[in-house]
Amino acid sequence: MIEQRLIDEVIRQAERNTLDDELLVRLRSRHPGVHFTVCMDDDIPANARPIAERPHFNLYLVNSSTHCSVLTNDPEAASGIVLAEVCGE
């Protein structure tokens, strides 16, 4: 389960920092047990809906309860967060 307060904190951190390995290290150390990933938004399937959209990134949730991880919009089923960088036009 990913609580809304964690989502809000991750958004704040991502808004203030570069989406890079340093950010991932900080997030992972603050929130053990939660999986964090950074990728490009165009790596995300076109039919996926982010749970939060910001000018430079979208935030998605991941459910890893089975062998394969899948994107989800259900915070109760989520075990991880994807920060997907949006490239400017």
N, C-alpha and C. Protein backbone atom coordinates (compact mmCIF):
# COMPACT_ATOMS: atom_id res chain seq x y z
N MET A 1 0.84 -1.18 0.00
CA MET A 1 0.00 0.00 0.00
C MET A 1 0.89 1.25 0.00
N ILE A 2 0.55 2.19 -0.84
CA ILE A 2 1.25 3.47 -0.90
C ILE A 2 0.28 4.53 -0.39
N GLU A 3 0.62 5.16 0.72
CA GLU A 3 -0.26 6.17 1.30
C GLU A 3 -0.13 7.50 0.57
N GLN A 4 -1.19 8.29 0.60
CA GLN A 4 -1.20 9.59 -0.07
C GLN A 4 -0.10 10.50 0.45
N ARG A 5 0.21 10.43 1.72
CA ARG A 5 1.26 11.31 2.26
C ARG A 5 2.61 10.96 1.65
N LEU A 6 2.86 9.68 1.35
CA LEU A 6 4.10 9.29 0.68
C LEU A 6 4.11 9.82 -0.76
N ILE A 7 3.01 9.69 -1.45
CA ILE A 7 2.90 10.22 -2.81
C ILE A 7 3.18 11.72 -2.81
N ASP A 8 2.58 12.43 -1.87
CA ASP A 8 2.79 13.88 -1.77
C ASP A 8 4.25 14.22 -1.50
N GLU A 9 4.89 13.47 -0.62
CA GLU A 9 6.30 13.71 -0.31
C GLU A 9 7.19 13.44 -1.53
N VAL A 10 6.91 12.36 -2.25
CA VAL A 10 7.71 12.03 -3.44
C VAL A 10 7.53 13.13 -4.50
N ILE A 11 6.33 13.62 -4.66
CA ILE A 11 6.09 14.71 -5.61
C ILE A 11 6.91 15.94 -5.22
N ARG A 12 6.88 16.30 -3.95
CA ARG A 12 7.66 17.45 -3.49
C ARG A 12 9.15 17.26 -3.77
N GLN A 13 9.66 16.08 -3.46
CA GLN A 13 11.08 15.79 -3.69
C GLN A 13 11.41 15.86 -5.18
N ALA A 14 10.56 15.30 -6.01
CA ALA A 14 10.81 15.29 -7.45
C ALA A 14 10.70 16.68 -8.06
N GLU A 15 9.84 17.52 -7.50
CA GLU A 15 9.72 18.89 -8.00
C GLU A 15 10.96 19.72 -7.68
N ARG A 16 11.62 19.40 -6.57
CA ARG A 16 12.78 20.18 -6.12
C ARG A 16 14.11 19.63 -6.60
N ASN A 17 14.13 18.44 -7.15
CA ASN A 17 15.39 17.77 -7.49
C ASN A 17 15.35 17.24 -8.92
N THR A 18 16.52 16.91 -9.40
CA THR A 18 16.64 16.25 -10.70
C THR A 18 16.22 14.79 -10.53
N LEU A 19 15.53 14.27 -11.52
CA LEU A 19 15.15 12.85 -11.48
C LEU A 19 16.38 12.03 -11.87
N ASP A 20 17.14 11.62 -10.86
CA ASP A 20 18.38 10.91 -11.12
C ASP A 20 18.63 9.88 -10.02
N ASP A 21 19.80 9.23 -10.11
CA ASP A 21 20.14 8.20 -9.13
C ASP A 21 20.24 8.74 -7.71
N GLU A 22 20.70 9.97 -7.56
CA GLU A 22 20.78 10.57 -6.22
C GLU A 22 19.40 10.65 -5.57
N LEU A 23 18.44 11.09 -6.33
CA LEU A 23 17.07 11.16 -5.80
C LEU A 23 16.58 9.77 -5.43
N LEU A 24 16.83 8.79 -6.29
CA LEU A 24 16.40 7.42 -5.99
C LEU A 24 17.04 6.91 -4.70
N VAL A 25 18.32 7.18 -4.50
CA VAL A 25 19.00 6.74 -3.28
C VAL A 25 18.34 7.36 -2.06
N ARG A 26 18.07 8.66 -2.12
CA ARG A 26 17.42 9.34 -0.98
C ARG A 26 16.04 8.75 -0.70
N LEU A 27 15.24 8.57 -1.75
CA LEU A 27 13.90 8.03 -1.56
C LEU A 27 13.95 6.61 -1.00
N ARG A 28 14.82 5.79 -1.56
CA ARG A 28 14.91 4.39 -1.10
C ARG A 28 15.39 4.31 0.34
N SER A 29 16.31 5.19 0.75
CA SER A 29 16.79 5.14 2.13
C SER A 29 15.72 5.64 3.11
N ARG A 30 14.93 6.60 2.68
CA ARG A 30 13.85 7.12 3.55
C ARG A 30 12.66 6.18 3.64
N HIS A 31 12.46 5.37 2.60
CA HIS A 31 11.26 4.52 2.52
C HIS A 31 11.64 3.09 2.13
N PRO A 32 12.33 2.37 3.03
CA PRO A 32 12.68 0.98 2.72
C PRO A 32 11.41 0.16 2.48
N GLY A 33 11.50 -0.75 1.54
CA GLY A 33 10.35 -1.58 1.23
C GLY A 33 9.50 -1.04 0.10
N VAL A 34 9.71 0.21 -0.28
CA VAL A 34 9.00 0.80 -1.42
C VAL A 34 9.97 0.84 -2.58
N HIS A 35 9.54 0.34 -3.71
CA HIS A 35 10.40 0.33 -4.90
C HIS A 35 10.21 1.63 -5.67
N PHE A 36 11.31 2.28 -6.01
CA PHE A 36 11.29 3.53 -6.77
C PHE A 36 12.03 3.34 -8.09
N THR A 37 11.48 3.89 -9.15
CA THR A 37 12.09 3.82 -10.48
C THR A 37 11.95 5.17 -11.16
N VAL A 38 12.96 5.52 -11.93
CA VAL A 38 12.90 6.70 -12.80
C VAL A 38 13.04 6.22 -14.23
N CYS A 39 12.23 6.77 -15.12
CA CYS A 39 12.32 6.45 -16.54
C CYS A 39 11.82 7.65 -17.33
N MET A 40 11.80 7.52 -18.61
CA MET A 40 11.21 8.55 -19.47
C MET A 40 9.72 8.24 -19.61
N ASP A 41 8.90 9.28 -19.69
CA ASP A 41 7.47 9.05 -19.78
C ASP A 41 7.09 8.29 -21.06
N ASP A 42 7.87 8.45 -22.12
CA ASP A 42 7.53 7.72 -23.34
C ASP A 42 7.89 6.23 -23.24
N ASP A 43 8.51 5.80 -22.14
CA ASP A 43 8.72 4.37 -21.88
C ASP A 43 7.49 3.72 -21.25
N ILE A 44 6.55 4.52 -20.82
CA ILE A 44 5.32 4.05 -20.18
C ILE A 44 4.29 3.76 -21.27
N PRO A 45 3.53 2.67 -21.15
CA PRO A 45 2.50 2.38 -22.16
C PRO A 45 1.53 3.56 -22.33
N ALA A 46 1.13 3.81 -23.57
CA ALA A 46 0.30 4.97 -23.89
C ALA A 46 -1.04 4.96 -23.17
N ASN A 47 -1.56 3.79 -22.82
CA ASN A 47 -2.87 3.73 -22.17
C ASN A 47 -2.80 3.86 -20.65
N ALA A 48 -1.59 3.96 -20.09
CA ALA A 48 -1.44 4.10 -18.64
C ALA A 48 -1.79 5.53 -18.23
N ARG A 49 -2.46 5.63 -17.08
CA ARG A 49 -2.83 6.94 -16.55
C ARG A 49 -2.00 7.24 -15.31
N PRO A 50 -1.28 8.36 -15.32
CA PRO A 50 -0.52 8.72 -14.12
C PRO A 50 -1.47 9.12 -12.99
N ILE A 51 -1.03 8.93 -11.76
CA ILE A 51 -1.86 9.38 -10.64
C ILE A 51 -1.57 10.83 -10.31
N ALA A 52 -0.45 11.34 -10.84
CA ALA A 52 -0.12 12.76 -10.67
C ALA A 52 0.65 13.21 -11.91
N GLU A 53 0.32 14.39 -12.39
CA GLU A 53 1.01 14.97 -13.54
C GLU A 53 1.59 16.31 -13.14
N ARG A 54 2.85 16.50 -13.46
CA ARG A 54 3.54 17.75 -13.23
C ARG A 54 4.20 18.17 -14.53
N PRO A 55 4.63 19.41 -14.65
CA PRO A 55 5.21 19.86 -15.93
C PRO A 55 6.39 19.02 -16.41
N HIS A 56 7.22 18.51 -15.48
CA HIS A 56 8.44 17.81 -15.90
C HIS A 56 8.42 16.30 -15.63
N PHE A 57 7.37 15.82 -14.99
CA PHE A 57 7.29 14.38 -14.74
C PHE A 57 5.85 13.97 -14.47
N ASN A 58 5.60 12.68 -14.67
CA ASN A 58 4.35 12.05 -14.27
C ASN A 58 4.68 10.98 -13.24
N LEU A 59 3.77 10.75 -12.32
CA LEU A 59 3.98 9.76 -11.27
C LEU A 59 2.98 8.63 -11.46
N TYR A 60 3.52 7.41 -11.50
CA TYR A 60 2.71 6.20 -11.66
C TYR A 60 2.94 5.30 -10.46
N LEU A 61 1.98 4.44 -10.19
CA LEU A 61 2.13 3.44 -9.13
C LEU A 61 2.33 2.07 -9.76
N VAL A 62 3.05 1.21 -9.04
CA VAL A 62 3.35 -0.14 -9.51
C VAL A 62 2.86 -1.15 -8.48
N ASN A 63 2.26 -2.23 -8.98
CA ASN A 63 1.85 -3.36 -8.15
C ASN A 63 2.80 -4.51 -8.48
N SER A 64 3.57 -4.94 -7.49
CA SER A 64 4.51 -6.04 -7.69
C SER A 64 4.14 -7.26 -6.86
N SER A 65 2.86 -7.44 -6.62
CA SER A 65 2.42 -8.55 -5.76
C SER A 65 2.52 -9.91 -6.46
N THR A 66 2.61 -9.91 -7.78
CA THR A 66 2.78 -11.16 -8.51
C THR A 66 4.17 -11.16 -9.14
N HIS A 67 4.45 -12.16 -9.91
CA HIS A 67 5.77 -12.30 -10.53
C HIS A 67 6.14 -11.10 -11.40
N CYS A 68 5.18 -10.57 -12.14
CA CYS A 68 5.43 -9.42 -13.02
C CYS A 68 4.87 -8.15 -12.39
N SER A 69 5.62 -7.09 -12.47
CA SER A 69 5.14 -5.79 -11.99
C SER A 69 4.22 -5.18 -13.05
N VAL A 70 3.16 -4.54 -12.58
CA VAL A 70 2.22 -3.88 -13.48
C VAL A 70 1.87 -2.51 -12.91
N LEU A 71 1.57 -1.58 -13.81
CA LEU A 71 1.13 -0.26 -13.37
C LEU A 71 -0.29 -0.38 -12.82
N THR A 72 -0.58 0.43 -11.81
CA THR A 72 -1.90 0.42 -11.19
C THR A 72 -2.26 1.84 -10.78
N ASN A 73 -3.53 2.10 -10.65
CA ASN A 73 -4.00 3.37 -10.10
C ASN A 73 -4.61 3.16 -8.72
N ASP A 74 -4.39 1.98 -8.16
CA ASP A 74 -4.94 1.63 -6.85
C ASP A 74 -3.83 1.71 -5.79
N PRO A 75 -3.81 2.78 -4.99
CA PRO A 75 -2.78 2.90 -3.95
C PRO A 75 -2.77 1.73 -2.97
N GLU A 76 -3.92 1.10 -2.75
CA GLU A 76 -4.01 -0.04 -1.83
C GLU A 76 -3.22 -1.23 -2.35
N ALA A 77 -3.13 -1.39 -3.66
CA ALA A 77 -2.43 -2.52 -4.26
C ALA A 77 -0.99 -2.19 -4.63
N ALA A 78 -0.61 -0.93 -4.52
CA ALA A 78 0.70 -0.48 -5.00
C ALA A 78 1.82 -0.82 -4.02
N SER A 79 2.98 -1.11 -4.60
CA SER A 79 4.18 -1.38 -3.79
C SER A 79 5.36 -0.53 -4.25
N GLY A 80 5.15 0.26 -5.30
CA GLY A 80 6.24 1.07 -5.80
C GLY A 80 5.75 2.29 -6.55
N ILE A 81 6.71 3.17 -6.85
CA ILE A 81 6.42 4.43 -7.53
C ILE A 81 7.37 4.60 -8.70
N VAL A 82 6.82 5.02 -9.83
CA VAL A 82 7.62 5.35 -11.01
C VAL A 82 7.53 6.85 -11.23
N LEU A 83 8.67 7.49 -11.32
CA LEU A 83 8.75 8.90 -11.71
C LEU A 83 9.17 8.91 -13.17
N ALA A 84 8.29 9.36 -14.04
CA ALA A 84 8.53 9.32 -15.48
C ALA A 84 8.75 10.73 -15.99
N GLU A 85 9.98 10.99 -16.43
CA GLU A 85 10.35 12.33 -16.88
C GLU A 85 9.69 12.67 -18.21
N VAL A 86 9.12 13.87 -18.25
CA VAL A 86 8.46 14.37 -19.46
C VAL A 86 9.44 15.34 -20.13
N CYS A 87 9.76 15.07 -21.38
CA CYS A 87 10.66 15.95 -22.12
C CYS A 87 9.89 17.16 -22.63
N GLY A 88 10.52 18.31 -22.56
CA GLY A 88 9.93 19.53 -23.09
C GLY A 88 9.93 19.52 -24.61
N GLU A 89 9.00 20.21 -25.17
CA GLU A 89 8.90 20.26 -26.64
C GLU A 89 9.67 21.41 -27.19
